[in-house]
Protein backbone atom coordinates (compact mmCIF):
# COMPACT_ATOMS: atom_id res chain seq x y z
CA MET A 1 88.31 58.58 -4.25
CA LYS A 2 86.90 61.92 -3.22
CA LYS A 3 86.90 65.01 -5.36
CA LEU A 4 89.07 68.00 -4.54
CA TYR A 5 87.38 69.98 -1.80
CA THR A 6 88.76 73.31 -0.64
CA LEU A 7 87.20 75.28 2.20
CA ALA A 8 88.33 78.08 4.47
CA LEU A 9 86.86 80.11 7.31
CA ALA A 10 87.89 83.71 7.61
CA GLY A 11 88.83 86.09 10.35
CA LEU A 12 90.41 89.53 10.02
CA LEU A 13 93.33 89.55 7.61
CA SER A 14 96.55 91.02 8.91
CA PHE A 15 100.24 90.25 8.97
CA THR A 16 102.95 90.11 11.61
CA THR A 17 106.71 90.14 11.22
CA PHE A 18 107.06 86.68 12.72
CA SER A 19 104.83 83.97 14.06
CA GLN A 20 105.28 81.57 16.95
CA ASP A 21 103.39 78.46 15.95
CA THR A 22 102.62 75.45 18.05
CA PHE A 23 101.56 71.87 17.31
CA SER A 24 101.69 70.23 13.90
CA ILE A 25 102.28 66.92 12.12
CA ILE A 26 103.80 66.11 8.72
CA ALA A 27 103.37 62.58 7.35
CA VAL A 28 103.58 60.33 4.29
CA ASP A 29 101.68 57.19 3.28
CA PRO A 30 103.92 54.69 1.45
CA ALA A 31 100.89 52.66 0.33
CA THR A 32 99.27 55.53 -1.59
CA GLY A 33 102.09 58.01 -2.14
CA GLU A 34 100.08 60.68 -0.29
CA ILE A 35 101.78 63.41 1.74
CA GLY A 36 99.92 65.50 4.31
CA SER A 37 100.22 68.08 7.03
CA ALA A 38 97.98 69.32 9.83
CA GLY A 39 98.42 71.84 12.60
CA ALA A 40 96.94 74.45 14.89
CA SER A 41 98.09 77.47 16.87
CA CYS A 42 96.86 80.07 19.35
CA VAL A 43 97.98 83.12 17.41
CA THR A 44 96.20 86.45 17.08
CA GLY A 45 96.32 88.94 14.25
CA ILE A 46 96.83 86.20 11.68
CA GLY A 47 93.36 86.65 10.21
CA ALA A 48 91.81 84.64 7.42
CA GLN A 49 95.06 83.20 6.12
CA GLY A 50 95.67 81.19 9.29
CA ILE A 51 98.99 79.36 9.50
CA ILE A 52 98.64 76.88 6.62
CA ASP A 53 100.74 78.79 4.10
CA ILE A 54 103.19 80.04 6.72
CA ILE A 55 104.43 76.83 8.33
CA THR A 56 103.94 74.02 5.79
CA ASP A 57 104.85 73.19 2.19
CA ILE A 58 104.64 69.93 0.24
CA ILE A 59 106.16 68.59 -2.98
CA PRO A 60 103.62 66.04 -4.30
CA GLY A 61 105.11 62.59 -4.60
CA ARG A 62 108.29 63.62 -2.77
CA GLY A 63 107.78 65.04 0.72
CA GLY A 64 106.88 67.95 2.95
CA VAL A 65 108.25 70.33 5.57
CA ASN A 66 106.74 71.97 8.62
CA SER A 67 108.67 75.00 9.91
CA GLN A 68 107.49 76.72 13.08
CA ALA A 69 108.49 78.77 16.16
CA TYR A 70 109.48 82.40 15.61
CA VAL A 71 109.26 82.08 11.84
CA CYS A 72 109.49 84.98 9.45
CA ILE A 73 106.55 85.86 7.22
CA PRO A 74 107.14 84.91 4.47
CA ASN A 75 108.91 81.87 5.93
CA SER A 76 112.31 81.94 4.21
CA ASN A 77 113.58 78.88 6.10
CA LEU A 78 110.61 76.88 4.84
CA ASN A 79 111.26 78.03 1.29
CA ASN A 80 114.94 77.06 1.58
CA ALA A 81 113.99 73.65 2.98
CA ILE A 82 111.74 72.96 0.00
CA ASP A 83 114.53 74.05 -2.35
CA GLN A 84 116.87 71.57 -0.68
CA MET A 85 114.25 68.82 -0.96
CA GLU A 86 113.82 69.53 -4.67
CA MET A 87 117.58 69.14 -5.09
CA GLY A 88 117.43 65.67 -3.51
CA ALA A 89 118.46 66.28 0.11
CA SER A 90 117.16 63.89 2.76
CA PRO A 91 115.13 65.16 5.76
CA GLN A 92 118.16 65.11 8.06
CA GLU A 93 120.33 66.77 5.42
CA ILE A 94 117.71 69.50 5.07
CA ILE A 95 117.69 70.13 8.82
CA ASP A 96 121.50 70.22 8.89
CA PHE A 97 121.39 72.82 6.11
CA LEU A 98 118.81 74.93 7.95
CA LEU A 99 120.84 74.91 11.15
CA ALA A 100 123.91 76.07 9.28
CA ASN A 101 122.06 78.60 7.11
CA ASP A 102 119.25 80.17 9.12
CA SER A 103 117.75 82.90 6.92
CA CYS A 104 115.25 84.57 9.24
CA ALA A 105 116.15 87.83 10.97
CA SER A 106 113.68 87.00 13.74
CA GLN A 107 115.79 86.27 16.82
CA ASN A 108 118.97 87.27 14.96
CA PHE A 109 119.22 84.29 12.60
CA ASN A 110 119.54 81.95 15.58
CA PRO A 111 118.31 78.45 14.63
CA GLU A 112 117.89 77.56 18.29
CA PHE A 113 114.56 79.43 18.21
CA ARG A 114 113.21 77.24 15.38
CA GLN A 115 111.36 73.96 15.13
CA TYR A 116 111.14 71.63 12.11
CA GLY A 117 109.44 68.43 11.06
CA ILE A 118 110.17 66.76 7.71
CA ALA A 119 108.88 63.60 6.02
CA ASP A 120 109.58 62.34 2.50
CA PHE A 121 110.09 59.33 0.22
CA ASP A 122 113.55 58.20 -0.84
CA THR A 123 114.29 57.05 -4.39
CA ASN A 124 112.92 53.59 -3.55
CA GLY A 125 109.66 55.01 -2.24
CA ASP A 126 110.53 54.31 1.40
CA PRO A 127 109.60 56.90 4.04
CA ARG A 128 112.19 59.05 5.82
CA VAL A 129 111.57 61.49 8.66
CA ALA A 130 113.50 63.96 10.79
CA GLY A 131 112.77 66.68 13.31
CA PHE A 132 114.47 69.46 15.23
CA THR A 133 113.58 71.56 18.26
CA GLY A 134 115.87 74.44 19.18
CA SER A 135 116.84 75.04 22.78
CA MET A 136 115.34 78.55 22.71
CA ALA A 137 111.85 77.52 21.54
CA ASP A 138 109.28 78.02 24.29
CA ASP A 139 108.34 75.21 26.68
CA TYR A 140 106.76 72.79 26.68
CA LYS A 141 108.51 71.83 23.45
CA GLU A 142 109.23 68.53 21.71
CA ASP A 143 109.49 66.90 18.33
CA ARG A 144 108.76 63.19 17.94
CA GLN A 145 109.16 60.93 14.92
CA GLY A 146 107.54 57.67 13.88
CA ALA A 147 108.12 55.54 10.80
CA THR A 148 106.10 57.87 8.55
CA PHE A 149 105.56 61.08 10.54
CA SER A 150 107.05 63.87 12.57
CA ILE A 151 105.05 65.66 15.27
CA GLN A 152 106.32 68.91 16.77
CA GLY A 153 105.03 71.48 19.21
CA ASN A 154 106.08 74.42 21.34
CA ILE A 155 104.32 76.57 23.95
CA LEU A 156 102.34 73.44 24.81
CA LEU A 157 100.49 72.84 28.06
CA ASN A 158 102.51 69.66 28.59
CA GLN A 159 103.72 66.45 26.95
CA THR A 160 100.15 65.15 26.70
CA VAL A 161 99.67 67.09 23.47
CA ILE A 162 102.41 65.15 21.67
CA ASP A 163 101.43 61.84 23.33
CA ASN A 164 97.80 62.15 22.25
CA MET A 165 98.64 63.20 18.70
CA GLU A 166 101.01 60.27 18.28
CA ASP A 167 98.57 57.76 19.79
CA ASN A 168 95.68 58.95 17.62
CA PHE A 169 97.75 58.86 14.44
CA ASN A 170 99.09 55.37 15.13
CA ASN A 171 95.76 53.90 16.26
CA THR A 172 93.47 55.29 13.55
CA ASN A 173 92.60 53.02 10.64
CA GLY A 174 91.85 54.80 7.39
CA THR A 175 93.37 57.23 4.95
CA LEU A 176 96.25 59.56 5.65
CA ALA A 177 93.71 62.39 5.96
CA ASP A 178 91.78 60.37 8.56
CA LYS A 179 94.94 59.82 10.57
CA LEU A 180 96.01 63.47 10.39
CA MET A 181 92.57 64.67 11.48
CA ALA A 182 92.63 62.20 14.37
CA ALA A 183 96.07 63.43 15.38
CA LEU A 184 94.76 67.00 15.65
CA GLN A 185 91.79 65.79 17.67
CA GLY A 186 94.30 64.42 20.16
CA ALA A 187 95.24 68.03 20.90
CA ASN A 188 91.64 69.23 21.08
CA PHE A 189 91.57 70.34 24.71
CA ALA A 190 91.85 73.65 26.51
CA GLY A 191 95.38 74.99 26.58
CA ALA A 192 96.97 72.50 24.18
CA ASP A 193 98.61 75.71 23.04
CA ALA A 194 99.09 77.15 26.52
CA ARG A 195 98.20 80.67 25.35
CA CYS A 196 94.61 79.53 24.74
CA LEU A 197 94.09 77.97 28.18
CA ASN A 198 92.04 80.87 29.55
CA ALA A 199 89.90 80.93 26.38
CA GLY A 200 89.03 77.26 26.92
CA THR A 201 90.23 76.18 23.46
CA SER A 202 93.23 74.38 22.02
CA SER A 203 94.08 77.14 19.55
CA THR A 204 92.66 79.91 17.35
CA THR A 205 93.39 78.53 13.86
CA ALA A 206 93.83 75.07 12.32
CA TYR A 207 94.34 73.35 8.96
CA LEU A 208 94.48 70.00 7.15
CA LEU A 209 96.34 69.53 3.85
CA VAL A 210 96.80 66.36 1.74
CA TYR A 211 98.40 65.87 -1.67
CA LYS A 212 98.05 62.77 -3.79
CA GLU A 213 101.14 61.59 -5.64
CA ASP A 214 100.17 63.10 -9.00
CA ASP A 215 98.53 66.33 -7.75
CA ASP A 216 99.54 69.67 -9.18
CA PRO A 217 101.43 71.62 -6.45
CA ASN A 218 98.81 74.38 -6.75
CA ASP A 219 95.84 72.02 -6.65
CA PRO A 220 95.90 69.67 -3.62
CA TYR A 221 93.47 66.81 -3.18
CA LEU A 222 92.38 68.28 0.17
CA ARG A 223 92.94 71.72 1.67
CA LEU A 224 90.89 72.74 4.69
CA ASN A 225 91.84 76.00 6.38
CA VAL A 226 90.18 77.49 9.45
CA GLY A 227 91.33 81.09 9.79
CA GLU A 228 91.63 82.88 13.10
CA GLN A 229 88.58 82.37 15.30
CA PRO A 230 87.30 84.56 18.16
CA SER A 231 88.22 83.67 21.71
CA GLY A 232 86.25 80.66 22.95
CA THR A 233 85.60 79.14 19.50
CA GLU A 234 87.40 75.84 18.90
CA PRO A 235 88.96 75.72 15.41
CA ILE A 236 89.62 71.97 15.50
CA ASP A 237 85.87 71.38 15.91
CA ILE A 238 85.24 73.55 12.86
CA LEU A 239 87.95 71.72 10.95
CA GLN A 240 86.35 68.39 11.83
CA ASN A 241 83.00 69.59 10.50
CA LEU A 242 84.64 70.68 7.25
CA TYR A 243 86.35 67.31 6.97
CA ASN A 244 83.06 65.51 7.57
CA GLN A 245 81.54 67.55 4.73
CA PHE A 246 84.46 66.56 2.51
CA LEU A 247 83.90 62.89 3.27
CA SER A 248 80.19 63.18 2.41
CA VAL A 249 80.86 64.40 -1.14
CA SER A 250 81.15 61.60 -3.70
CA GLU A 251 82.59 61.97 -7.18
CA ASN A 252 79.75 59.86 -8.53
CA ASP A 253 76.70 61.73 -7.26
CA LEU A 254 75.18 62.00 -10.73
CA ALA A 255 74.39 59.51 -13.46
CA VAL A 256 75.56 62.04 -16.04
CA SER A 257 78.89 63.83 -16.26
CA ILE A 258 78.76 67.56 -15.50
CA THR A 259 81.63 69.98 -16.06
CA LEU A 260 82.20 73.66 -15.39
CA PHE A 261 84.35 75.96 -17.54
CA PRO A 262 86.32 78.15 -17.78
CA ASN A 263 87.97 77.72 -14.40
CA PRO A 264 89.29 80.20 -13.29
CA ALA A 265 86.61 82.48 -14.75
CA GLU A 266 86.28 86.25 -15.18
CA ASP A 267 82.89 87.05 -16.75
CA VAL A 268 80.79 83.86 -17.11
CA ILE A 269 80.90 80.18 -16.28
CA THR A 270 79.27 77.48 -18.37
CA ILE A 271 77.86 74.34 -16.80
CA SER A 272 77.72 71.50 -19.30
CA ALA A 273 76.16 68.02 -19.11
CA GLU A 274 77.12 65.14 -21.37
CA SER A 275 73.53 64.98 -22.65
CA PHE A 276 70.38 67.07 -22.42
CA VAL A 277 69.20 67.47 -18.85
CA GLN A 278 66.87 69.81 -17.04
CA PHE A 279 68.71 71.83 -14.43
CA LEU A 280 66.25 71.90 -11.54
CA TYR A 281 68.29 74.61 -9.88
CA ILE A 282 71.78 76.07 -9.77
CA GLU A 283 73.10 77.92 -6.71
CA LEU A 284 76.42 79.67 -6.10
CA PHE A 285 77.96 79.99 -2.63
CA ASP A 286 80.99 81.96 -1.53
CA ILE A 287 83.74 80.52 0.66
CA GLN A 288 81.83 81.45 3.83
CA GLY A 289 78.70 79.58 2.68
CA LYS A 290 76.67 82.66 1.68
CA ARG A 291 74.45 82.10 -1.36
CA VAL A 292 75.28 84.69 -4.02
CA TYR A 293 73.25 83.33 -6.98
CA SER A 294 70.20 81.11 -7.51
CA GLN A 295 68.19 80.07 -10.56
CA ALA A 296 65.57 77.32 -10.90
CA ASN A 297 63.83 75.23 -13.57
CA MET A 298 66.10 75.91 -16.53
CA GLN A 299 65.72 74.18 -19.88
CA ALA A 300 69.38 74.04 -20.86
CA PRO A 301 69.91 74.14 -24.63
CA ASN A 302 72.41 71.45 -25.71
CA GLY A 303 72.91 70.55 -22.07
CA LYS A 304 74.63 73.87 -21.29
CA GLN A 305 73.78 76.70 -18.91
CA THR A 306 75.74 79.96 -18.73
CA ILE A 307 75.88 82.00 -15.52
CA PRO A 308 77.31 85.54 -15.19
CA VAL A 309 79.98 85.92 -12.52
CA SER A 310 81.56 89.28 -13.41
CA ALA A 311 79.87 91.00 -10.45
CA LEU A 312 81.33 88.55 -7.93
CA GLN A 313 84.42 89.41 -5.92
CA ASN A 314 87.55 87.44 -6.71
CA GLY A 315 87.87 84.22 -4.77
CA VAL A 316 86.73 80.60 -4.45
CA TYR A 317 83.07 79.67 -5.01
CA PHE A 318 81.02 76.49 -4.94
CA VAL A 319 78.26 75.70 -7.44
CA LYS A 320 75.45 73.40 -6.33
CA ILE A 321 73.71 71.80 -9.31
CA ALA A 322 70.51 69.74 -9.18
CA THR A 323 69.15 67.75 -12.11
CA GLN A 324 66.68 64.90 -12.40
CA HIS A 325 69.63 62.61 -11.73
CA GLY A 326 70.74 64.12 -8.43
CA GLU A 327 73.00 66.82 -7.05
CA ARG A 328 76.61 67.80 -7.65
CA VAL A 329 78.85 70.43 -6.05
CA LEU A 330 81.64 71.93 -8.19
CA ARG A 331 84.31 74.45 -7.30
CA PHE A 332 85.55 77.39 -9.35
CA VAL A 333 87.79 80.40 -8.88
CA LYS A 334 86.66 83.92 -9.85
CA ARG A 335 89.47 86.18 -11.04
């Protein structure tokens, strides 16, 4: 089992009244209870946030929804779908509700502009899936379901995008995250989102999200978000690199247990080992990988070392800790 690993790459933050998103996949794993989502789009003006929080939402242990194509920001149809899921509706029942109760003023509340993919577990733990593609979504458009997944896309170059994503998901052995990442790689070619054809990339922004069955809704097992990239930069390649980094981090890097508290933190963080150790060095990095703090050769009294963080901007940081036993990377949030 890997530790929680959250990374994001930033662009310029801005908002639009609606967003026309392209290819994505939502899936469950009956063997592990995991639920995950992945997607990419050739949008501009979306900035650092990317599309992850706009088109997808997951209830750990239950199911998830992808909502795309001319969506409002915030995505009221997505929020309503999750509400229906929490009340026990099946994927098809959720889609029927959304078609009868479109809540987005974009395109005059017309559900024929929308696209949905839903996957969940029923009360017996068996997977259920459903999808919908409105007649007014932009071509090429399609949604396709398998036993545990729904893939959907619009403004695609052609059917190859969906074919490749499905083939990669079905033919990849490994975890749900492995299969989702492989599915996105199936769309990693110029013009997968047709708007990015001239730029030579599939998209401008991409994400990968996985929840384990007992995860807190605000604390997923895996959340990788690549915000809007400049023209010519492939976000799925960046996402793959982030995923490779995630896979390289083991929960058992050290022979001693090391914790960090408080988390979130405002003024200081304390790094604590279960017994006396010498901290060879401690480094802090921001979400973009810039080192913002470094200290070496510390004799930590009672196995504790306190670091001031009040001067840091609010956000997510990573702490790299080296002792005589090895290295560990921990995550904390500055508020």
